[in-house]
Amino acid sequence: MDETCIKVAGLWKYFYRAVDRTGDRVDFLLTVKRDLAAAQRLLERATNLYGLPDKITIDKSGANTTTIESVKVAICVDILMRQNKYLNNIVEQDHRAIKRMIRPMLEFKSF
């Protein structure tokens, strides 16, 4: 799980996404705010589609950490949470494709 800022209709929005171990996008969410509720929505949607993962790799985001900890407590399941803020993180590599697509357009035209 990770998020990045992208420009949509002249305003900055947060693009949350979850990718699997091979780098394929599992789910995404575009929100106005970067907060706990957005991270919880993304994790809930992704787990409803694909089930609970054994391991989750995130960056040092506090909202993502709190979301995963709350899911672990609520469901009483042990999910290994790895925090990796470096660029060799597969989730961080997903930024490249999004930024490469947006750069020529300068921004998305609608939300």
N, C-alpha and C. Protein backbone atom coordinates (compact mmCIF):
# COMPACT_ATOMS: atom_id res chain seq x y z
N MET A 1 0.84 -1.17 0.00
CA MET A 1 0.00 0.00 0.00
C MET A 1 0.88 1.23 0.00
N ASP A 2 0.45 2.21 -0.78
CA ASP A 2 1.20 3.46 -0.84
C ASP A 2 0.31 4.54 -1.44
N GLU A 3 0.75 5.76 -1.32
CA GLU A 3 0.03 6.87 -1.93
C GLU A 3 1.00 7.85 -2.54
N THR A 4 0.50 8.61 -3.52
CA THR A 4 1.27 9.66 -4.15
C THR A 4 0.32 10.79 -4.51
N CYS A 5 0.87 11.97 -4.72
CA CYS A 5 0.06 13.13 -5.11
C CYS A 5 0.04 13.24 -6.63
N ILE A 6 -1.14 13.47 -7.17
CA ILE A 6 -1.28 13.75 -8.60
C ILE A 6 -2.22 14.93 -8.76
N LYS A 7 -2.09 15.62 -9.86
CA LYS A 7 -2.91 16.79 -10.11
C LYS A 7 -4.12 16.38 -10.95
N VAL A 8 -5.32 16.70 -10.45
CA VAL A 8 -6.57 16.39 -11.13
C VAL A 8 -7.39 17.67 -11.21
N ALA A 9 -7.68 18.11 -12.43
CA ALA A 9 -8.48 19.32 -12.67
C ALA A 9 -7.91 20.52 -11.92
N GLY A 10 -6.59 20.62 -11.89
CA GLY A 10 -5.93 21.76 -11.28
C GLY A 10 -5.74 21.67 -9.78
N LEU A 11 -6.23 20.62 -9.14
CA LEU A 11 -6.09 20.44 -7.70
C LEU A 11 -5.30 19.17 -7.41
N TRP A 12 -4.53 19.20 -6.33
CA TRP A 12 -3.75 18.04 -5.95
C TRP A 12 -4.63 17.05 -5.21
N LYS A 13 -4.58 15.79 -5.61
CA LYS A 13 -5.35 14.70 -4.99
C LYS A 13 -4.37 13.61 -4.60
N TYR A 14 -4.81 12.72 -3.72
CA TYR A 14 -3.99 11.59 -3.28
C TYR A 14 -4.45 10.33 -3.98
N PHE A 15 -3.49 9.65 -4.60
CA PHE A 15 -3.75 8.43 -5.35
C PHE A 15 -3.19 7.27 -4.53
N TYR A 16 -4.07 6.56 -3.83
CA TYR A 16 -3.69 5.38 -3.06
C TYR A 16 -3.75 4.16 -3.97
N ARG A 17 -2.82 3.22 -3.78
CA ARG A 17 -2.90 1.99 -4.54
C ARG A 17 -2.24 0.85 -3.77
N ALA A 18 -2.71 -0.33 -4.11
CA ALA A 18 -2.17 -1.56 -3.54
C ALA A 18 -1.68 -2.40 -4.71
N VAL A 19 -0.48 -2.95 -4.58
CA VAL A 19 0.07 -3.81 -5.63
C VAL A 19 0.46 -5.15 -5.01
N ASP A 20 0.49 -6.19 -5.85
CA ASP A 20 0.89 -7.50 -5.35
C ASP A 20 2.40 -7.65 -5.47
N ARG A 21 2.90 -8.81 -5.13
CA ARG A 21 4.36 -9.00 -5.09
C ARG A 21 5.03 -8.93 -6.46
N THR A 22 4.26 -9.11 -7.53
CA THR A 22 4.85 -9.02 -8.86
C THR A 22 4.77 -7.61 -9.43
N GLY A 23 4.12 -6.69 -8.70
CA GLY A 23 4.03 -5.31 -9.16
C GLY A 23 2.76 -4.98 -9.90
N ASP A 24 1.83 -5.95 -9.99
CA ASP A 24 0.54 -5.69 -10.64
C ASP A 24 -0.38 -4.98 -9.67
N ARG A 25 -1.09 -3.98 -10.17
CA ARG A 25 -1.98 -3.19 -9.33
C ARG A 25 -3.19 -4.02 -8.92
N VAL A 26 -3.46 -4.09 -7.62
CA VAL A 26 -4.59 -4.83 -7.08
C VAL A 26 -5.81 -3.92 -7.04
N ASP A 27 -5.66 -2.73 -6.46
CA ASP A 27 -6.76 -1.79 -6.33
C ASP A 27 -6.18 -0.39 -6.17
N PHE A 28 -7.02 0.62 -6.42
CA PHE A 28 -6.59 2.00 -6.24
C PHE A 28 -7.75 2.83 -5.72
N LEU A 29 -7.42 4.01 -5.19
CA LEU A 29 -8.41 4.92 -4.65
C LEU A 29 -7.89 6.34 -4.82
N LEU A 30 -8.72 7.23 -5.32
CA LEU A 30 -8.37 8.63 -5.52
C LEU A 30 -9.17 9.45 -4.51
N THR A 31 -8.48 10.17 -3.63
CA THR A 31 -9.16 10.92 -2.57
C THR A 31 -8.65 12.35 -2.50
N VAL A 32 -9.44 13.18 -1.82
CA VAL A 32 -9.05 14.56 -1.60
C VAL A 32 -8.11 14.67 -0.41
N LYS A 33 -8.34 13.84 0.62
CA LYS A 33 -7.54 13.90 1.84
C LYS A 33 -6.66 12.67 1.99
N ARG A 34 -5.53 12.88 2.63
CA ARG A 34 -4.63 11.78 2.97
C ARG A 34 -4.83 11.52 4.46
N ASP A 35 -5.69 10.56 4.76
CA ASP A 35 -6.03 10.31 6.15
C ASP A 35 -6.30 8.84 6.41
N LEU A 36 -6.64 8.55 7.64
CA LEU A 36 -6.88 7.18 8.08
C LEU A 36 -8.08 6.57 7.36
N ALA A 37 -9.14 7.35 7.15
CA ALA A 37 -10.35 6.83 6.50
C ALA A 37 -10.06 6.37 5.07
N ALA A 38 -9.24 7.12 4.35
CA ALA A 38 -8.90 6.74 2.98
C ALA A 38 -8.09 5.46 2.95
N ALA A 39 -7.13 5.33 3.85
CA ALA A 39 -6.31 4.12 3.91
C ALA A 39 -7.17 2.90 4.28
N GLN A 40 -8.12 3.10 5.20
CA GLN A 40 -9.00 2.00 5.58
C GLN A 40 -9.91 1.58 4.43
N ARG A 41 -10.41 2.55 3.66
CA ARG A 41 -11.26 2.22 2.51
C ARG A 41 -10.51 1.40 1.48
N LEU A 42 -9.26 1.80 1.18
CA LEU A 42 -8.47 1.06 0.21
C LEU A 42 -8.20 -0.37 0.68
N LEU A 43 -7.79 -0.52 1.93
CA LEU A 43 -7.49 -1.86 2.44
C LEU A 43 -8.75 -2.73 2.47
N GLU A 44 -9.88 -2.15 2.85
CA GLU A 44 -11.13 -2.91 2.88
C GLU A 44 -11.55 -3.36 1.48
N ARG A 45 -11.43 -2.46 0.50
CA ARG A 45 -11.79 -2.83 -0.88
C ARG A 45 -10.87 -3.91 -1.42
N ALA A 46 -9.58 -3.77 -1.17
CA ALA A 46 -8.61 -4.75 -1.68
C ALA A 46 -8.80 -6.12 -1.03
N THR A 47 -9.07 -6.15 0.28
CA THR A 47 -9.25 -7.44 0.94
C THR A 47 -10.59 -8.07 0.57
N ASN A 48 -11.60 -7.27 0.28
CA ASN A 48 -12.87 -7.85 -0.18
C ASN A 48 -12.71 -8.51 -1.53
N LEU A 49 -11.88 -7.97 -2.39
CA LEU A 49 -11.66 -8.55 -3.71
C LEU A 49 -10.73 -9.75 -3.69
N TYR A 50 -9.65 -9.67 -2.92
CA TYR A 50 -8.59 -10.68 -3.00
C TYR A 50 -8.30 -11.41 -1.70
N GLY A 51 -8.98 -11.10 -0.63
CA GLY A 51 -8.73 -11.77 0.64
C GLY A 51 -7.60 -11.10 1.41
N LEU A 52 -7.40 -11.53 2.64
CA LEU A 52 -6.35 -10.96 3.48
C LEU A 52 -4.98 -11.46 3.06
N PRO A 53 -4.00 -10.58 2.98
CA PRO A 53 -2.65 -11.01 2.62
C PRO A 53 -1.89 -11.52 3.85
N ASP A 54 -0.81 -12.24 3.60
CA ASP A 54 0.05 -12.69 4.69
C ASP A 54 1.01 -11.58 5.12
N LYS A 55 1.47 -10.79 4.13
CA LYS A 55 2.43 -9.71 4.37
C LYS A 55 1.96 -8.46 3.65
N ILE A 56 2.21 -7.31 4.26
CA ILE A 56 1.93 -6.02 3.64
C ILE A 56 3.17 -5.17 3.78
N THR A 57 3.64 -4.61 2.68
CA THR A 57 4.78 -3.71 2.69
C THR A 57 4.27 -2.29 2.46
N ILE A 58 4.64 -1.40 3.37
CA ILE A 58 4.23 -0.01 3.26
C ILE A 58 5.46 0.87 3.46
N ASP A 59 5.29 2.18 3.18
CA ASP A 59 6.36 3.11 3.52
C ASP A 59 6.13 3.53 4.98
N LYS A 60 6.71 4.61 5.40
CA LYS A 60 6.62 5.03 6.80
C LYS A 60 5.37 5.85 7.10
N SER A 61 4.30 5.65 6.35
CA SER A 61 3.06 6.40 6.53
C SER A 61 2.34 5.99 7.81
N GLY A 62 1.99 6.97 8.62
CA GLY A 62 1.29 6.69 9.87
C GLY A 62 -0.12 6.18 9.66
N ALA A 63 -0.81 6.71 8.65
CA ALA A 63 -2.19 6.28 8.39
C ALA A 63 -2.22 4.81 7.96
N ASN A 64 -1.30 4.41 7.11
CA ASN A 64 -1.26 3.01 6.68
C ASN A 64 -0.91 2.08 7.84
N THR A 65 0.02 2.49 8.68
CA THR A 65 0.40 1.69 9.84
C THR A 65 -0.78 1.49 10.79
N THR A 66 -1.48 2.57 11.08
CA THR A 66 -2.64 2.50 11.98
C THR A 66 -3.74 1.64 11.39
N THR A 67 -3.96 1.75 10.10
CA THR A 67 -4.99 0.95 9.43
C THR A 67 -4.70 -0.54 9.55
N ILE A 68 -3.48 -0.92 9.25
CA ILE A 68 -3.13 -2.34 9.30
C ILE A 68 -3.19 -2.87 10.73
N GLU A 69 -2.73 -2.07 11.69
CA GLU A 69 -2.80 -2.50 13.10
C GLU A 69 -4.25 -2.67 13.54
N SER A 70 -5.14 -1.77 13.12
CA SER A 70 -6.55 -1.88 13.53
C SER A 70 -7.21 -3.11 12.90
N VAL A 71 -6.85 -3.44 11.66
CA VAL A 71 -7.40 -4.64 11.02
C VAL A 71 -6.89 -5.89 11.73
N LYS A 72 -5.62 -5.89 12.11
CA LYS A 72 -5.06 -7.04 12.81
C LYS A 72 -5.78 -7.28 14.13
N VAL A 73 -6.11 -6.22 14.84
CA VAL A 73 -6.80 -6.35 16.13
C VAL A 73 -8.26 -6.75 15.93
N ALA A 74 -8.93 -6.11 14.96
CA ALA A 74 -10.36 -6.36 14.75
C ALA A 74 -10.65 -7.78 14.29
N ILE A 75 -9.81 -8.31 13.40
CA ILE A 75 -10.07 -9.63 12.83
C ILE A 75 -9.31 -10.73 13.57
N CYS A 76 -8.39 -10.34 14.44
CA CYS A 76 -7.56 -11.29 15.19
C CYS A 76 -6.76 -12.19 14.24
N VAL A 77 -6.12 -11.58 13.27
CA VAL A 77 -5.30 -12.31 12.33
C VAL A 77 -3.90 -11.70 12.35
N ASP A 78 -2.90 -12.51 12.11
CA ASP A 78 -1.52 -12.04 12.14
C ASP A 78 -1.05 -11.72 10.72
N ILE A 79 -0.92 -10.44 10.44
CA ILE A 79 -0.42 -9.98 9.15
C ILE A 79 0.94 -9.36 9.39
N LEU A 80 1.95 -9.84 8.67
CA LEU A 80 3.29 -9.30 8.80
C LEU A 80 3.35 -7.95 8.08
N MET A 81 3.65 -6.89 8.82
CA MET A 81 3.73 -5.56 8.24
C MET A 81 5.20 -5.17 8.14
N ARG A 82 5.65 -4.91 6.90
CA ARG A 82 7.03 -4.50 6.67
C ARG A 82 7.02 -3.05 6.24
N GLN A 83 7.87 -2.23 6.83
CA GLN A 83 7.98 -0.83 6.46
C GLN A 83 9.29 -0.63 5.71
N ASN A 84 9.16 -0.16 4.47
CA ASN A 84 10.32 0.03 3.61
C ASN A 84 10.14 1.35 2.87
N LYS A 85 10.91 2.36 3.24
CA LYS A 85 10.72 3.67 2.63
C LYS A 85 11.60 3.89 1.40
N TYR A 86 12.35 2.88 1.00
CA TYR A 86 13.31 3.07 -0.08
C TYR A 86 12.72 2.78 -1.45
N LEU A 87 13.40 3.23 -2.48
CA LEU A 87 12.89 3.13 -3.84
C LEU A 87 12.87 1.71 -4.40
N ASN A 88 13.56 0.77 -3.76
CA ASN A 88 13.51 -0.60 -4.25
C ASN A 88 12.25 -1.32 -3.79
N ASN A 89 11.38 -0.64 -3.07
CA ASN A 89 10.08 -1.16 -2.69
C ASN A 89 9.22 -1.27 -3.95
N ILE A 90 8.57 -2.39 -4.17
CA ILE A 90 7.76 -2.61 -5.37
C ILE A 90 6.64 -1.59 -5.48
N VAL A 91 6.07 -1.22 -4.35
CA VAL A 91 4.99 -0.24 -4.37
C VAL A 91 5.50 1.11 -4.84
N GLU A 92 6.69 1.48 -4.41
CA GLU A 92 7.28 2.75 -4.84
C GLU A 92 7.58 2.75 -6.34
N GLN A 93 7.87 1.61 -6.90
CA GLN A 93 8.14 1.53 -8.33
C GLN A 93 6.89 1.79 -9.15
N ASP A 94 5.72 1.58 -8.56
CA ASP A 94 4.46 1.84 -9.26
C ASP A 94 4.26 3.33 -9.52
N HIS A 95 4.93 4.18 -8.73
CA HIS A 95 4.86 5.63 -8.97
C HIS A 95 5.30 5.97 -10.40
N ARG A 96 6.33 5.30 -10.85
CA ARG A 96 6.93 5.64 -12.16
C ARG A 96 5.92 5.60 -13.29
N ALA A 97 5.14 4.53 -13.36
CA ALA A 97 4.18 4.38 -14.46
C ALA A 97 3.12 5.47 -14.40
N ILE A 98 2.66 5.80 -13.21
CA ILE A 98 1.63 6.83 -13.07
C ILE A 98 2.21 8.19 -13.45
N LYS A 99 3.37 8.53 -12.94
CA LYS A 99 3.97 9.83 -13.22
C LYS A 99 4.35 9.96 -14.71
N ARG A 100 4.78 8.87 -15.31
CA ARG A 100 5.13 8.89 -16.73
C ARG A 100 3.90 9.14 -17.60
N MET A 101 2.76 8.61 -17.18
CA MET A 101 1.53 8.79 -17.93
C MET A 101 0.98 10.21 -17.76
N ILE A 102 1.13 10.77 -16.58
CA ILE A 102 0.58 12.09 -16.28
C ILE A 102 1.43 13.22 -16.86
N ARG A 103 2.73 13.05 -16.87
CA ARG A 103 3.64 14.14 -17.25
C ARG A 103 3.31 14.81 -18.58
N PRO A 104 3.07 14.07 -19.68
CA PRO A 104 2.75 14.76 -20.94
C PRO A 104 1.42 15.52 -20.89
N MET A 105 0.47 15.02 -20.09
CA MET A 105 -0.83 15.68 -20.01
C MET A 105 -0.81 16.83 -19.00
N LEU A 106 0.20 16.87 -18.13
CA LEU A 106 0.34 17.81 -17.04
C LEU A 106 -0.62 17.52 -15.88
N GLU A 107 -1.80 17.00 -16.15
CA GLU A 107 -2.74 16.62 -15.10
C GLU A 107 -3.90 15.88 -15.72
N PHE A 108 -4.68 15.20 -14.87
CA PHE A 108 -5.94 14.62 -15.33
C PHE A 108 -6.97 15.74 -15.41
N LYS A 109 -7.92 15.64 -16.29
CA LYS A 109 -8.87 16.72 -16.51
C LYS A 109 -10.08 16.68 -15.59
N SER A 110 -10.41 15.50 -15.03
CA SER A 110 -11.57 15.42 -14.14
C SER A 110 -11.29 14.47 -13.00
N PHE A 111 -12.04 14.61 -11.94
CA PHE A 111 -11.88 13.79 -10.75
C PHE A 111 -12.63 12.50 -10.95
